[in-house]
Amino acid sequence: ALVRSGAEQFVLFGEVERADRRIAVGVEGADGRLR
């Protein structure tokens, strides 16, 4: 239900800023699985 109609998967990408660095965080969902 989270995948846009007509698409095969969704992808989320974020950057979390900590005191001295940025940490990349990514989540993708397809075929009922989350990675």
Full PDB file with SEQRES, HELIX, SHEET, SSBOND, CRYST1, ORIGX, SCALE, CONECT and MASTER records, all heavy atoms in Angstrom:
SEQRES   1 A   35  ALA LEU VAL ARG SER GLY ALA GLU GLN PHE VAL LEU PHE          
SEQRES   2 A   35  GLY GLU VAL GLU ARG ALA ASP ARG ARG ILE ALA VAL GLY          
SEQRES   3 A   35  VAL GLU GLY ALA ASP GLY ARG LEU ARG                          
SHEET    1 AA1 2 PHE A  10  GLU A  17  0                                        
SHEET    2 AA1 2 ARG A  22  ALA A  30 -1                                        
CRYST1    1.000    1.000    1.000  90.00  90.00  90.00 P 1           1          
ORIGX1      1.000000  0.000000  0.000000        0.00000                         
ORIGX2      0.000000  1.000000  0.000000        0.00000                         
ORIGX3      0.000000  0.000000  1.000000        0.00000                         
SCALE1      1.000000  0.000000  0.000000        0.00000                         
SCALE2      0.000000  1.000000  0.000000        0.00000                         
SCALE3      0.000000  0.000000  1.000000        0.00000                         
ATOM      1  N   ALA A   1       0.817  -1.212   0.000  1.00  0.00           N  
ATOM      2  CA  ALA A   1       0.000   0.000   0.000  1.00  0.00           C  
ATOM      3  C   ALA A   1       0.852   1.264   0.000  1.00  0.00           C  
ATOM      4  O   ALA A   1       0.356   2.357  -0.305  1.00  0.00           O  
ATOM      5  CB  ALA A   1      -0.925   0.014   1.218  1.00  0.00           C  
ATOM      6  N   LEU A   2       2.140   1.131   0.313  1.00  0.00           N  
ATOM      7  CA  LEU A   2       3.035   2.284   0.370  1.00  0.00           C  
ATOM      8  C   LEU A   2       3.681   2.599  -0.975  1.00  0.00           C  
ATOM      9  O   LEU A   2       4.267   3.662  -1.147  1.00  0.00           O  
ATOM     10  CB  LEU A   2       4.130   2.041   1.412  1.00  0.00           C  
ATOM     11  CG  LEU A   2       3.654   1.702   2.827  1.00  0.00           C  
ATOM     12  CD1 LEU A   2       4.844   1.448   3.743  1.00  0.00           C  
ATOM     13  CD2 LEU A   2       2.774   2.813   3.381  1.00  0.00           C  
ATOM     14  N   VAL A   3       3.610   1.668  -1.917  1.00  0.00           N  
ATOM     15  CA  VAL A   3       4.225   1.861  -3.234  1.00  0.00           C  
ATOM     16  C   VAL A   3       3.252   2.633  -4.130  1.00  0.00           C  
ATOM     17  O   VAL A   3       2.085   2.265  -4.243  1.00  0.00           O  
ATOM     18  CB  VAL A   3       4.590   0.520  -3.885  1.00  0.00           C  
ATOM     19  CG1 VAL A   3       5.246   0.740  -5.237  1.00  0.00           C  
ATOM     20  CG2 VAL A   3       5.510  -0.283  -2.968  1.00  0.00           C  
ATOM     21  N   ARG A   4       3.755   3.693  -4.734  1.00  0.00           N  
ATOM     22  CA  ARG A   4       2.898   4.507  -5.607  1.00  0.00           C  
ATOM     23  C   ARG A   4       2.318   3.671  -6.739  1.00  0.00           C  
ATOM     24  O   ARG A   4       2.990   2.799  -7.288  1.00  0.00           O  
ATOM     25  CB  ARG A   4       3.714   5.671  -6.192  1.00  0.00           C  
ATOM     26  CG  ARG A   4       2.881   6.723  -6.933  1.00  0.00           C  
ATOM     27  CD  ARG A   4       3.755   7.880  -7.368  1.00  0.00           C  
ATOM     28  NE  ARG A   4       4.748   7.476  -8.341  1.00  0.00           N  
ATOM     29  CZ  ARG A   4       4.557   7.467  -9.670  1.00  0.00           C  
ATOM     30  NH1 ARG A   4       3.395   7.869 -10.171  1.00  0.00           N  
ATOM     31  NH2 ARG A   4       5.522   7.084 -10.474  1.00  0.00           N  
ATOM     32  N   SER A   5       1.079   3.917  -7.074  1.00  0.00           N  
ATOM     33  CA  SER A   5       0.408   3.167  -8.133  1.00  0.00           C  
ATOM     34  C   SER A   5       1.218   3.226  -9.427  1.00  0.00           C  
ATOM     35  O   SER A   5       1.614   4.308  -9.880  1.00  0.00           O  
ATOM     36  CB  SER A   5      -1.000   3.739  -8.370  1.00  0.00           C  
ATOM     37  OG  SER A   5      -1.638   3.062  -9.421  1.00  0.00           O  
ATOM     38  N   GLY A   6       1.480   2.069  -9.998  1.00  0.00           N  
ATOM     39  CA  GLY A   6       2.247   1.984 -11.233  1.00  0.00           C  
ATOM     40  C   GLY A   6       3.733   1.777 -11.029  1.00  0.00           C  
ATOM     41  O   GLY A   6       4.453   1.479 -11.992  1.00  0.00           O  
ATOM     42  N   ALA A   7       4.216   1.931  -9.790  1.00  0.00           N  
ATOM     43  CA  ALA A   7       5.643   1.741  -9.496  1.00  0.00           C  
ATOM     44  C   ALA A   7       5.867   0.347  -8.921  1.00  0.00           C  
ATOM     45  O   ALA A   7       4.936  -0.311  -8.462  1.00  0.00           O  
ATOM     46  CB  ALA A   7       6.141   2.812  -8.522  1.00  0.00           C  
ATOM     47  N   GLU A   8       7.111  -0.095  -8.941  1.00  0.00           N  
ATOM     48  CA  GLU A   8       7.443  -1.425  -8.437  1.00  0.00           C  
ATOM     49  C   GLU A   8       7.967  -1.398  -7.013  1.00  0.00           C  
ATOM     50  O   GLU A   8       7.911  -2.406  -6.309  1.00  0.00           O  
ATOM     51  CB  GLU A   8       8.485  -2.084  -9.349  1.00  0.00           C  
ATOM     52  CG  GLU A   8       7.964  -2.365 -10.756  1.00  0.00           C  
ATOM     53  CD  GLU A   8       8.995  -3.083 -11.601  1.00  0.00           C  
ATOM     54  OE1 GLU A   8      10.140  -3.271 -11.122  1.00  0.00           O  
ATOM     55  OE2 GLU A   8       8.655  -3.476 -12.730  1.00  0.00           O  
ATOM     56  N   GLN A   9       8.496  -0.252  -6.577  1.00  0.00           N  
ATOM     57  CA  GLN A   9       9.029  -0.149  -5.230  1.00  0.00           C  
ATOM     58  C   GLN A   9       9.062   1.308  -4.801  1.00  0.00           C  
ATOM     59  O   GLN A   9       8.946   2.215  -5.632  1.00  0.00           O  
ATOM     60  CB  GLN A   9      10.447  -0.726  -5.143  1.00  0.00           C  
ATOM     61  CG  GLN A   9      11.478   0.077  -5.926  1.00  0.00           C  
ATOM     62  CD  GLN A   9      12.893  -0.431  -5.710  1.00  0.00           C  
ATOM     63  OE1 GLN A   9      13.122  -1.451  -5.093  1.00  0.00           O  
ATOM     64  NE2 GLN A   9      13.864   0.310  -6.218  1.00  0.00           N  
ATOM     65  N   PHE A  10       9.182   1.539  -3.512  1.00  0.00           N  
ATOM     66  CA  PHE A  10       9.434   2.896  -3.024  1.00  0.00           C  
ATOM     67  C   PHE A  10      10.835   2.940  -2.434  1.00  0.00           C  
ATOM     68  O   PHE A  10      11.381   1.929  -1.971  1.00  0.00           O  
ATOM     69  CB  PHE A  10       8.391   3.336  -1.990  1.00  0.00           C  
ATOM     70  CG  PHE A  10       8.466   2.620  -0.665  1.00  0.00           C  
ATOM     71  CD1 PHE A  10       9.406   2.983   0.307  1.00  0.00           C  
ATOM     72  CD2 PHE A  10       7.586   1.588  -0.362  1.00  0.00           C  
ATOM     73  CE1 PHE A  10       9.479   2.328   1.524  1.00  0.00           C  
ATOM     74  CE2 PHE A  10       7.648   0.928   0.857  1.00  0.00           C  
ATOM     75  CZ  PHE A  10       8.602   1.297   1.804  1.00  0.00           C  
ATOM     76  N   VAL A  11      11.429   4.125  -2.457  1.00  0.00           N  
ATOM     77  CA  VAL A  11      12.756   4.332  -1.893  1.00  0.00           C  
ATOM     78  C   VAL A  11      12.730   5.594  -1.041  1.00  0.00           C  
ATOM     79  O   VAL A  11      12.272   6.647  -1.488  1.00  0.00           O  
ATOM     80  CB  VAL A  11      13.828   4.472  -2.999  1.00  0.00           C  
ATOM     81  CG1 VAL A  11      15.202   4.734  -2.373  1.00  0.00           C  
ATOM     82  CG2 VAL A  11      13.868   3.226  -3.875  1.00  0.00           C  
ATOM     83  N   LEU A  12      13.221   5.480   0.181  1.00  0.00           N  
ATOM     84  CA  LEU A  12      13.364   6.620   1.074  1.00  0.00           C  
ATOM     85  C   LEU A  12      14.843   6.773   1.411  1.00  0.00           C  
ATOM     86  O   LEU A  12      15.528   5.789   1.693  1.00  0.00           O  
ATOM     87  CB  LEU A  12      12.575   6.415   2.366  1.00  0.00           C  
ATOM     88  CG  LEU A  12      11.081   6.108   2.223  1.00  0.00           C  
ATOM     89  CD1 LEU A  12      10.470   5.839   3.592  1.00  0.00           C  
ATOM     90  CD2 LEU A  12      10.358   7.257   1.526  1.00  0.00           C  
ATOM     91  N   PHE A  13      15.311   8.003   1.378  1.00  0.00           N  
ATOM     92  CA  PHE A  13      16.707   8.279   1.704  1.00  0.00           C  
ATOM     93  C   PHE A  13      16.764   9.503   2.597  1.00  0.00           C  
ATOM     94  O   PHE A  13      16.079  10.498   2.349  1.00  0.00           O  
ATOM     95  CB  PHE A  13      17.532   8.521   0.436  1.00  0.00           C  
ATOM     96  CG  PHE A  13      18.944   8.962   0.723  1.00  0.00           C  
ATOM     97  CD1 PHE A  13      19.914   8.030   1.069  1.00  0.00           C  
ATOM     98  CD2 PHE A  13      19.301  10.300   0.682  1.00  0.00           C  
ATOM     99  CE1 PHE A  13      21.210   8.427   1.352  1.00  0.00           C  
ATOM    100  CE2 PHE A  13      20.590  10.704   0.962  1.00  0.00           C  
ATOM    101  CZ  PHE A  13      21.552   9.768   1.302  1.00  0.00           C  
ATOM    102  N   GLY A  14      17.558   9.409   3.658  1.00  0.00           N  
ATOM    103  CA  GLY A  14      17.710  10.542   4.555  1.00  0.00           C  
ATOM    104  C   GLY A  14      19.141  10.708   4.989  1.00  0.00           C  
ATOM    105  O   GLY A  14      19.964   9.783   4.879  1.00  0.00           O  
ATOM    106  N   GLU A  15      19.443  11.898   5.507  1.00  0.00           N  
ATOM    107  CA  GLU A  15      20.753  12.172   6.092  1.00  0.00           C  
ATOM    108  C   GLU A  15      20.547  12.708   7.497  1.00  0.00           C  
ATOM    109  O   GLU A  15      19.855  13.716   7.694  1.00  0.00           O  
ATOM    110  CB  GLU A  15      21.543  13.177   5.254  1.00  0.00           C  
ATOM    111  CG  GLU A  15      22.057  12.613   3.945  1.00  0.00           C  
ATOM    112  CD  GLU A  15      22.923  13.604   3.198  1.00  0.00           C  
ATOM    113  OE1 GLU A  15      22.818  14.817   3.478  1.00  0.00           O  
ATOM    114  OE2 GLU A  15      23.693  13.175   2.337  1.00  0.00           O  
ATOM    115  N   VAL A  16      21.120  12.007   8.462  1.00  0.00           N  
ATOM    116  CA  VAL A  16      21.035  12.419   9.862  1.00  0.00           C  
ATOM    117  C   VAL A  16      22.344  13.087  10.238  1.00  0.00           C  
ATOM    118  O   VAL A  16      23.424  12.504  10.085  1.00  0.00           O  
ATOM    119  CB  VAL A  16      20.775  11.211  10.778  1.00  0.00           C  
ATOM    120  CG1 VAL A  16      20.738  11.657  12.241  1.00  0.00           C  
ATOM    121  CG2 VAL A  16      19.469  10.531  10.391  1.00  0.00           C  
ATOM    122  N   GLU A  17      22.250  14.308  10.730  1.00  0.00           N  
ATOM    123  CA  GLU A  17      23.439  15.053  11.106  1.00  0.00           C  
ATOM    124  C   GLU A  17      23.746  14.809  12.571  1.00  0.00           C  
ATOM    125  O   GLU A  17      22.889  15.021  13.433  1.00  0.00           O  
ATOM    126  CB  GLU A  17      23.238  16.544  10.843  1.00  0.00           C  
ATOM    127  CG  GLU A  17      24.500  17.370  11.030  1.00  0.00           C  
ATOM    128  CD  GLU A  17      24.304  18.805  10.597  1.00  0.00           C  
ATOM    129  OE1 GLU A  17      23.447  19.487  11.196  1.00  0.00           O  
ATOM    130  OE2 GLU A  17      25.000  19.241   9.658  1.00  0.00           O  
ATOM    131  N   ARG A  18      24.942  14.363  12.836  1.00  0.00           N  
ATOM    132  CA  ARG A  18      25.413  14.212  14.207  1.00  0.00           C  
ATOM    133  C   ARG A  18      26.463  15.289  14.481  1.00  0.00           C  
ATOM    134  O   ARG A  18      26.689  16.170  13.659  1.00  0.00           O  
ATOM    135  CB  ARG A  18      25.973  12.804  14.418  1.00  0.00           C  
ATOM    136  CG  ARG A  18      24.895  11.712  14.360  1.00  0.00           C  
ATOM    137  CD  ARG A  18      23.899  11.861  15.502  1.00  0.00           C  
ATOM    138  NE  ARG A  18      22.857  10.855  15.476  1.00  0.00           N  
ATOM    139  CZ  ARG A  18      22.911   9.691  16.099  1.00  0.00           C  
ATOM    140  NH1 ARG A  18      23.999   9.362  16.761  1.00  0.00           N  
ATOM    141  NH2 ARG A  18      21.898   8.855  16.048  1.00  0.00           N  
ATOM    142  N   ALA A  19      27.143  15.199  15.595  1.00  0.00           N  
ATOM    143  CA  ALA A  19      28.041  16.269  16.015  1.00  0.00           C  
ATOM    144  C   ALA A  19      29.123  16.572  14.981  1.00  0.00           C  
ATOM    145  O   ALA A  19      29.454  17.734  14.737  1.00  0.00           O  
ATOM    146  CB  ALA A  19      28.685  15.901  17.357  1.00  0.00           C  
ATOM    147  N   ASP A  20      29.676  15.529  14.364  1.00  0.00           N  
ATOM    148  CA  ASP A  20      30.806  15.746  13.462  1.00  0.00           C  
ATOM    149  C   ASP A  20      30.652  15.072  12.106  1.00  0.00           C  
ATOM    150  O   ASP A  20      31.610  14.988  11.342  1.00  0.00           O  
ATOM    151  CB  ASP A  20      32.098  15.261  14.119  1.00  0.00           C  
ATOM    152  CG  ASP A  20      32.025  13.774  14.489  1.00  0.00           C  
ATOM    153  OD1 ASP A  20      30.928  13.189  14.357  1.00  0.00           O  
ATOM    154  OD2 ASP A  20      33.063  13.213  14.893  1.00  0.00           O  
ATOM    155  N   ARG A  21      29.452  14.573  11.793  1.00  0.00           N  
ATOM    156  CA  ARG A  21      29.304  13.844  10.530  1.00  0.00           C  
ATOM    157  C   ARG A  21      27.823  13.743  10.160  1.00  0.00           C  
ATOM    158  O   ARG A  21      26.945  14.018  10.967  1.00  0.00           O  
ATOM    159  CB  ARG A  21      29.889  12.436  10.662  1.00  0.00           C  
ATOM    160  CG  ARG A  21      29.131  11.534  11.635  1.00  0.00           C  
ATOM    161  CD  ARG A  21      29.944  10.308  11.988  1.00  0.00           C  
ATOM    162  NE  ARG A  21      29.196   9.319  12.747  1.00  0.00           N  
ATOM    163  CZ  ARG A  21      28.934   9.414  14.042  1.00  0.00           C  
ATOM    164  NH1 ARG A  21      29.341  10.473  14.723  1.00  0.00           N  
ATOM    165  NH2 ARG A  21      28.261   8.465  14.663  1.00  0.00           N  
ATOM    166  N   ARG A  22      27.585  13.329   8.900  1.00  0.00           N  
ATOM    167  CA  ARG A  22      26.232  13.006   8.454  1.00  0.00           C  
ATOM    168  C   ARG A  22      26.159  11.508   8.163  1.00  0.00           C  
ATOM    169  O   ARG A  22      27.081  10.958   7.550  1.00  0.00           O  
ATOM    170  CB  ARG A  22      25.854  13.812   7.211  1.00  0.00           C  
ATOM    171  CG  ARG A  22      25.526  15.266   7.513  1.00  0.00           C  
ATOM    172  CD  ARG A  22      24.751  15.913   6.381  1.00  0.00           C  
ATOM    173  NE  ARG A  22      24.387  17.285   6.699  1.00  0.00           N  
ATOM    174  CZ  ARG A  22      23.502  18.005   6.003  1.00  0.00           C  
ATOM    175  NH1 ARG A  22      22.897  17.459   4.952  1.00  0.00           N  
ATOM    176  NH2 ARG A  22      23.222  19.235   6.342  1.00  0.00           N  
ATOM    177  N   ILE A  23      25.095  10.897   8.605  1.00  0.00           N  
ATOM    178  CA  ILE A  23      24.910   9.459   8.415  1.00  0.00           C  
ATOM    179  C   ILE A  23      23.784   9.246   7.416  1.00  0.00           C  
ATOM    180  O   ILE A  23      22.665   9.733   7.606  1.00  0.00           O  
ATOM    181  CB  ILE A  23      24.557   8.769   9.748  1.00  0.00           C  
ATOM    182  CG1 ILE A  23      25.653   9.017  10.779  1.00  0.00           C  
ATOM    183  CG2 ILE A  23      24.344   7.275   9.532  1.00  0.00           C  
ATOM    184  CD1 ILE A  23      25.304   8.515  12.158  1.00  0.00           C  
ATOM    185  N   ALA A  24      24.068   8.533   6.335  1.00  0.00           N  
ATOM    186  CA  ALA A  24      23.060   8.234   5.322  1.00  0.00           C  
ATOM    187  C   ALA A  24      22.207   7.062   5.785  1.00  0.00           C  
ATOM    188  O   ALA A  24      22.724   6.059   6.281  1.00  0.00           O  
ATOM    189  CB  ALA A  24      23.732   7.903   3.988  1.00  0.00           C  
ATOM    190  N   VAL A  25      20.895   7.217   5.621  1.00  0.00           N  
ATOM    191  CA  VAL A  25      19.942   6.175   5.992  1.00  0.00           C  
ATOM    192  C   VAL A  25      19.008   5.951   4.812  1.00  0.00           C  
ATOM    193  O   VAL A  25      18.452   6.909   4.267  1.00  0.00           O  
ATOM    194  CB  VAL A  25      19.108   6.570   7.229  1.00  0.00           C  
ATOM    195  CG1 VAL A  25      18.162   5.446   7.619  1.00  0.00           C  
ATOM    196  CG2 VAL A  25      20.012   6.936   8.395  1.00  0.00           C  
ATOM    197  N   GLY A  26      18.844   4.707   4.408  1.00  0.00           N  
ATOM    198  CA  GLY A  26      17.981   4.398   3.275  1.00  0.00           C  
ATOM    199  C   GLY A  26      17.063   3.232   3.561  1.00  0.00           C  
ATOM    200  O   GLY A  26      17.465   2.277   4.227  1.00  0.00           O  
ATOM    201  N   VAL A  27      15.844   3.322   3.063  1.00  0.00           N  
ATOM    202  CA  VAL A  27      14.872   2.239   3.199  1.00  0.00           C  
ATOM    203  C   VAL A  27      14.185   2.070   1.853  1.00  0.00           C  
ATOM    204  O   VAL A  27      13.767   3.053   1.226  1.00  0.00           O  
ATOM    205  CB  VAL A  27      13.814   2.542   4.280  1.00  0.00           C  
ATOM    206  CG1 VAL A  27      12.750   1.450   4.306  1.00  0.00           C  
ATOM    207  CG2 VAL A  27      14.462   2.673   5.646  1.00  0.00           C  
ATOM    208  N   GLU A  28      14.060   0.828   1.407  1.00  0.00           N  
ATOM    209  CA  GLU A  28      13.299   0.562   0.192  1.00  0.00           C  
ATOM    210  C   GLU A  28      12.334  -0.587   0.444  1.00  0.00           C  
ATOM    211  O   GLU A  28      12.624  -1.495   1.232  1.00  0.00           O  
ATOM    212  CB  GLU A  28      14.215   0.254  -0.986  1.00  0.00           C  
ATOM    213  CG  GLU A  28      15.056  -0.988  -0.837  1.00  0.00           C  
ATOM    214  CD  GLU A  28      15.930  -1.235  -2.054  1.00  0.00           C  
ATOM    215  OE1 GLU A  28      16.475  -0.263  -2.601  1.00  0.00           O  
ATOM    216  OE2 GLU A  28      16.065  -2.422  -2.441  1.00  0.00           O  
ATOM    217  N   GLY A  29      11.180  -0.512  -0.200  1.00  0.00           N  
ATOM    218  CA  GLY A  29      10.172  -1.542  -0.028  1.00  0.00           C  
ATOM    219  C   GLY A  29       9.692  -2.058  -1.371  1.00  0.00           C  
ATOM    220  O   GLY A  29       9.367  -1.273  -2.261  1.00  0.00           O  
ATOM    221  N   ALA A  30       9.670  -3.367  -1.515  1.00  0.00           N  
ATOM    222  CA  ALA A  30       9.199  -4.003  -2.749  1.00  0.00           C  
ATOM    223  C   ALA A  30       8.856  -5.453  -2.442  1.00  0.00           C  
ATOM    224  O   ALA A  30       9.492  -6.088  -1.592  1.00  0.00           O  
ATOM    225  CB  ALA A  30      10.273  -3.939  -3.837  1.00  0.00           C  
ATOM    226  N   ASP A  31       7.842  -5.972  -3.121  1.00  0.00           N  
ATOM    227  CA  ASP A  31       7.450  -7.381  -2.986  1.00  0.00           C  
ATOM    228  C   ASP A  31       7.168  -7.768  -1.535  1.00  0.00           C  
ATOM    229  O   ASP A  31       7.481  -8.871  -1.094  1.00  0.00           O  
ATOM    230  CB  ASP A  31       8.538  -8.302  -3.558  1.00  0.00           C  
ATOM    231  CG  ASP A  31       8.828  -8.018  -5.028  1.00  0.00           C  
ATOM    232  OD1 ASP A  31       7.858  -7.737  -5.758  1.00  0.00           O  
ATOM    233  OD2 ASP A  31      10.005  -8.065  -5.413  1.00  0.00           O  
ATOM    234  N   GLY A  32       6.598  -6.813  -0.789  1.00  0.00           N  
ATOM    235  CA  GLY A  32       6.241  -7.111   0.595  1.00  0.00           C  
ATOM    236  C   GLY A  32       7.412  -7.175   1.551  1.00  0.00           C  
ATOM    237  O   GLY A  32       7.256  -7.591   2.698  1.00  0.00           O  
ATOM    238  N   ARG A  33       8.593  -6.758   1.115  1.00  0.00           N  
ATOM    239  CA  ARG A  33       9.773  -6.798   1.965  1.00  0.00           C  
ATOM    240  C   ARG A  33      10.377  -5.412   2.103  1.00  0.00           C  
ATOM    241  O   ARG A  33      10.310  -4.595   1.185  1.00  0.00           O  
ATOM    242  CB  ARG A  33      10.824  -7.767   1.416  1.00  0.00           C  
ATOM    243  CG  ARG A  33      10.400  -9.229   1.461  1.00  0.00           C  
ATOM    244  CD  ARG A  33      11.509 -10.118   0.950  1.00  0.00           C  
ATOM    245  NE  ARG A  33      11.865  -9.790  -0.435  1.00  0.00           N  
ATOM    246  CZ  ARG A  33      12.946 -10.221  -1.060  1.00  0.00           C  
ATOM    247  NH1 ARG A  33      13.799 -10.997  -0.422  1.00  0.00           N  
ATOM    248  NH2 ARG A  33      13.173  -9.898  -2.314  1.00  0.00           N  
ATOM    249  N   LEU A  34      10.988  -5.185   3.267  1.00  0.00           N  
ATOM    250  CA  LEU A  34      11.626  -3.909   3.546  1.00  0.00           C  
ATOM    251  C   LEU A  34      13.116  -4.141   3.745  1.00  0.00           C  
ATOM    252  O   LEU A  34      13.519  -5.066   4.465  1.00  0.00           O  
ATOM    253  CB  LEU A  34      11.015  -3.310   4.817  1.00  0.00           C  
ATOM    254  CG  LEU A  34      11.039  -1.788   4.979  1.00  0.00           C  
ATOM    255  CD1 LEU A  34      10.208  -1.124   3.884  1.00  0.00           C  
ATOM    256  CD2 LEU A  34      10.484  -1.412   6.349  1.00  0.00           C  
ATOM    257  N   ARG A  35      13.932  -3.318   3.101  1.00  0.00           N  
ATOM    258  CA  ARG A  35      15.380  -3.401   3.265  1.00  0.00           C  
ATOM    259  C   ARG A  35      15.900  -2.036   3.674  1.00  0.00           C  
ATOM    260  O   ARG A  35      15.425  -1.007   3.186  1.00  0.00           O  
ATOM    261  CB  ARG A  35      16.045  -3.856   1.959  1.00  0.00           C  
ATOM    262  CG  ARG A  35      15.712  -5.297   1.582  1.00  0.00           C  
ATOM    263  CD  ARG A  35      16.192  -5.646   0.200  1.00  0.00           C  
ATOM    264  NE  ARG A  35      15.404  -4.949  -0.818  1.00  0.00           N  
ATOM    265  CZ  ARG A  35      14.255  -5.397  -1.299  1.00  0.00           C  
ATOM    266  NH1 ARG A  35      13.740  -6.526  -0.843  1.00  0.00           N  
ATOM    267  NH2 ARG A  35      13.594  -4.730  -2.221  1.00  0.00           N  
TER     268      ARG A  35                                                      
MASTER        0    0    0    0    2    0    0    6  267    1    0    3          
END                                                                             
